[in-house]
Amino acid sequence: MKIVLMYALMSGGLFFFFVGTIGLLRLPDVMTRVHSAAKCDTLGALLCTTALIVYSGGGFISLKLILVIVFLWITNPTATHLIAKAELSRHGNSGKYEIIDEVEVKKDEDI
């Protein structure tokens, strides 16, 4: 039963890695590519690492793998945010991306 659960989790993780790779290759611009890569990479790594936790069966190795999951949950969104922010600052004034100022939106809603 443990092996079946491990194979199911690993297959799910590899599926999300595969979908993220296709998203990187097929999507048109940096913002959609970074979104696809971030979501699929985080979920794929979570599922594959969880499969390794199930396979190891507990103990100190599982604690290390849980720390890897926590590290990935912190670093993946941070790296994605920085890549998107760099792309926005590079093309922000060219009109390629629409920049919405939240303060102005709230002022318009109050009227």
C-alpha atoms as a PDB file:
ATOM      1  CA  MET A   1       0.000   0.000   0.000  1.00  0.00           C
ATOM      2  CA  LYS A   2       2.876   2.352   0.797  1.00  0.00           C
ATOM      3  CA  ILE A   3       4.431   1.742  -2.621  1.00  0.00           C
ATOM      4  CA  VAL A   4       1.128   2.420  -4.406  1.00  0.00           C
ATOM      5  CA  LEU A   5       0.722   5.748  -2.563  1.00  0.00           C
ATOM      6  CA  MET A   6       4.330   6.641  -3.327  1.00  0.00           C
ATOM      7  CA  TYR A   7       3.857   5.895  -7.040  1.00  0.00           C
ATOM      8  CA  ALA A   8       0.620   7.908  -7.139  1.00  0.00           C
ATOM      9  CA  LEU A   9       2.235  10.946  -5.507  1.00  0.00           C
ATOM     10  CA  MET A  10       5.327  10.717  -7.701  1.00  0.00           C
ATOM     11  CA  SER A  11       3.204  10.362 -10.855  1.00  0.00           C
ATOM     12  CA  GLY A  12       1.167  13.413  -9.862  1.00  0.00           C
ATOM     13  CA  GLY A  13       4.326  15.421  -9.236  1.00  0.00           C
ATOM     14  CA  LEU A  14       5.850  14.398 -12.565  1.00  0.00           C
ATOM     15  CA  PHE A  15       2.583  15.303 -14.304  1.00  0.00           C
ATOM     16  CA  PHE A  16       2.716  18.830 -12.889  1.00  0.00           C
ATOM     17  CA  PHE A  17       6.389  19.184 -13.846  1.00  0.00           C
ATOM     18  CA  PHE A  18       5.457  18.092 -17.374  1.00  0.00           C
ATOM     19  CA  VAL A  19       2.568  20.577 -17.587  1.00  0.00           C
ATOM     20  CA  GLY A  20       4.828  23.364 -16.298  1.00  0.00           C
ATOM     21  CA  THR A  21       7.438  22.539 -18.931  1.00  0.00           C
ATOM     22  CA  ILE A  22       4.833  22.663 -21.676  1.00  0.00           C
ATOM     23  CA  GLY A  23       3.652  25.999 -20.267  1.00  0.00           C
ATOM     24  CA  LEU A  24       7.192  27.368 -20.440  1.00  0.00           C
ATOM     25  CA  LEU A  25       7.518  26.304 -24.059  1.00  0.00           C
ATOM     26  CA  ARG A  26       4.066  27.244 -25.359  1.00  0.00           C
ATOM     27  CA  LEU A  27       2.914  30.382 -23.549  1.00  0.00           C
ATOM     28  CA  PRO A  28       3.515  33.724 -25.272  1.00  0.00           C
ATOM     29  CA  ASP A  29       5.136  36.108 -22.771  1.00  0.00           C
ATOM     30  CA  VAL A  30       7.203  36.189 -19.606  1.00  0.00           C
ATOM     31  CA  MET A  31       4.337  36.829 -17.199  1.00  0.00           C
ATOM     32  CA  THR A  32       2.287  33.806 -18.287  1.00  0.00           C
ATOM     33  CA  ARG A  33       5.386  31.616 -18.456  1.00  0.00           C
ATOM     34  CA  VAL A  34       6.472  32.561 -14.954  1.00  0.00           C
ATOM     35  CA  HIS A  35       2.946  31.913 -13.651  1.00  0.00           C
ATOM     36  CA  SER A  36       2.849  28.469 -15.241  1.00  0.00           C
ATOM     37  CA  ALA A  37       6.313  27.557 -14.018  1.00  0.00           C
ATOM     38  CA  ALA A  38       5.714  28.761 -10.464  1.00  0.00           C
ATOM     39  CA  LYS A  39       2.418  26.987  -9.907  1.00  0.00           C
ATOM     40  CA  CYS A  40       3.434  23.707 -11.491  1.00  0.00           C
ATOM     41  CA  ASP A  41       6.936  23.700 -10.006  1.00  0.00           C
ATOM     42  CA  THR A  42       5.698  24.283  -6.474  1.00  0.00           C
ATOM     43  CA  LEU A  43       2.972  21.640  -6.662  1.00  0.00           C
ATOM     44  CA  GLY A  44       5.173  19.140  -8.504  1.00  0.00           C
ATOM     45  CA  ALA A  45       7.990  19.501  -5.980  1.00  0.00           C
ATOM     46  CA  LEU A  46       5.511  19.168  -3.102  1.00  0.00           C
ATOM     47  CA  LEU A  47       4.048  15.947  -4.499  1.00  0.00           C
ATOM     48  CA  CYS A  48       7.426  14.398  -5.362  1.00  0.00           C
ATOM     49  CA  THR A  49       8.904  15.280  -1.979  1.00  0.00           C
ATOM     50  CA  THR A  50       5.819  13.909  -0.236  1.00  0.00           C
ATOM     51  CA  ALA A  51       6.308  10.678  -2.194  1.00  0.00           C
ATOM     52  CA  LEU A  52       9.865  10.522  -0.887  1.00  0.00           C
ATOM     53  CA  ILE A  53       8.594  11.058   2.667  1.00  0.00           C
ATOM     54  CA  VAL A  54       6.156   8.163   2.231  1.00  0.00           C
ATOM     55  CA  TYR A  55       8.944   6.001   0.778  1.00  0.00           C
ATOM     56  CA  SER A  56      11.416   6.776   3.579  1.00  0.00           C
ATOM     57  CA  GLY A  57       8.844   5.846   6.214  1.00  0.00           C
ATOM     58  CA  GLY A  58       9.577   8.490   8.826  1.00  0.00           C
ATOM     59  CA  GLY A  59      12.531   9.485  10.937  1.00  0.00           C
ATOM     60  CA  PHE A  60      15.246  12.044  10.419  1.00  0.00           C
ATOM     61  CA  ILE A  61      15.140  11.811   6.614  1.00  0.00           C
ATOM     62  CA  SER A  62      11.455  12.764   6.613  1.00  0.00           C
ATOM     63  CA  LEU A  63      12.207  15.783   8.797  1.00  0.00           C
ATOM     64  CA  LYS A  64      14.848  16.903   6.297  1.00  0.00           C
ATOM     65  CA  LEU A  65      12.377  16.475   3.437  1.00  0.00           C
ATOM     66  CA  ILE A  66       9.747  18.503   5.292  1.00  0.00           C
ATOM     67  CA  LEU A  67      12.330  21.281   5.669  1.00  0.00           C
ATOM     68  CA  VAL A  68      12.952  21.078   1.919  1.00  0.00           C
ATOM     69  CA  ILE A  69       9.204  21.515   1.325  1.00  0.00           C
ATOM     70  CA  VAL A  70       9.118  24.569   3.614  1.00  0.00           C
ATOM     71  CA  PHE A  71      12.159  26.039   1.855  1.00  0.00           C
ATOM     72  CA  LEU A  72      10.543  25.505  -1.554  1.00  0.00           C
ATOM     73  CA  TRP A  73       7.265  27.092  -0.381  1.00  0.00           C
ATOM     74  CA  ILE A  74       9.220  30.188   0.658  1.00  0.00           C
ATOM     75  CA  THR A  75      11.631  30.497  -2.259  1.00  0.00           C
ATOM     76  CA  ASN A  76       9.432  29.629  -5.263  1.00  0.00           C
ATOM     77  CA  PRO A  77       6.869  32.438  -4.797  1.00  0.00           C
ATOM     78  CA  THR A  78       9.645  34.882  -3.891  1.00  0.00           C
ATOM     79  CA  ALA A  79      11.631  34.077  -7.023  1.00  0.00           C
ATOM     80  CA  THR A  80       8.492  34.274  -9.154  1.00  0.00           C
ATOM     81  CA  HIS A  81       7.611  37.662  -7.699  1.00  0.00           C
ATOM     82  CA  LEU A  82      11.113  38.991  -8.367  1.00  0.00           C
ATOM     83  CA  ILE A  83      11.130  37.733 -11.957  1.00  0.00           C
ATOM     84  CA  ALA A  84       7.717  39.311 -12.619  1.00  0.00           C
ATOM     85  CA  LYS A  85       8.771  42.559 -10.947  1.00  0.00           C
ATOM     86  CA  ALA A  86      11.951  42.702 -13.050  1.00  0.00           C
ATOM     87  CA  GLU A  87       9.936  42.121 -16.221  1.00  0.00           C
ATOM     88  CA  LEU A  88       7.446  44.805 -15.234  1.00  0.00           C
ATOM     89  CA  SER A  89      10.176  47.338 -14.482  1.00  0.00           C
ATOM     90  CA  ARG A  90      11.844  46.491 -17.794  1.00  0.00           C
ATOM     91  CA  HIS A  91       8.668  46.963 -19.878  1.00  0.00           C
ATOM     92  CA  GLY A  92       6.471  48.932 -17.474  1.00  0.00           C
ATOM     93  CA  ASN A  93       6.452  52.230 -19.349  1.00  0.00           C
ATOM     94  CA  SER A  94       6.213  50.747 -22.839  1.00  0.00           C
ATOM     95  CA  GLY A  95       2.496  49.962 -22.543  1.00  0.00           C
ATOM     96  CA  LYS A  96       3.030  46.216 -22.810  1.00  0.00           C
ATOM     97  CA  TYR A  97       1.583  45.647 -19.340  1.00  0.00           C
ATOM     98  CA  GLU A  98      -1.191  47.590 -17.658  1.00  0.00           C
ATOM     99  CA  ILE A  99      -0.124  48.974 -14.291  1.00  0.00           C
ATOM    100  CA  ILE A 100      -3.003  49.558 -11.884  1.00  0.00           C
ATOM    101  CA  ASP A 101      -2.489  51.824  -8.925  1.00  0.00           C
ATOM    102  CA  GLU A 102      -4.632  50.475  -6.082  1.00  0.00           C
ATOM    103  CA  VAL A 103      -4.932  53.893  -4.445  1.00  0.00           C
ATOM    104  CA  GLU A 104      -6.521  55.383  -7.560  1.00  0.00           C
ATOM    105  CA  VAL A 105      -8.877  52.422  -7.915  1.00  0.00           C
ATOM    106  CA  LYS A 106     -10.127  52.874  -4.353  1.00  0.00           C
ATOM    107  CA  LYS A 107     -10.652  56.593  -4.957  1.00  0.00           C
ATOM    108  CA  ASP A 108     -12.774  55.830  -8.022  1.00  0.00           C
ATOM    109  CA  GLU A 109     -14.849  53.266  -6.112  1.00  0.00           C
ATOM    110  CA  ASP A 110     -15.628  55.723  -3.306  1.00  0.00           C
ATOM    111  CA  ILE A 111     -17.213  58.218  -5.676  1.00  0.00           C
END
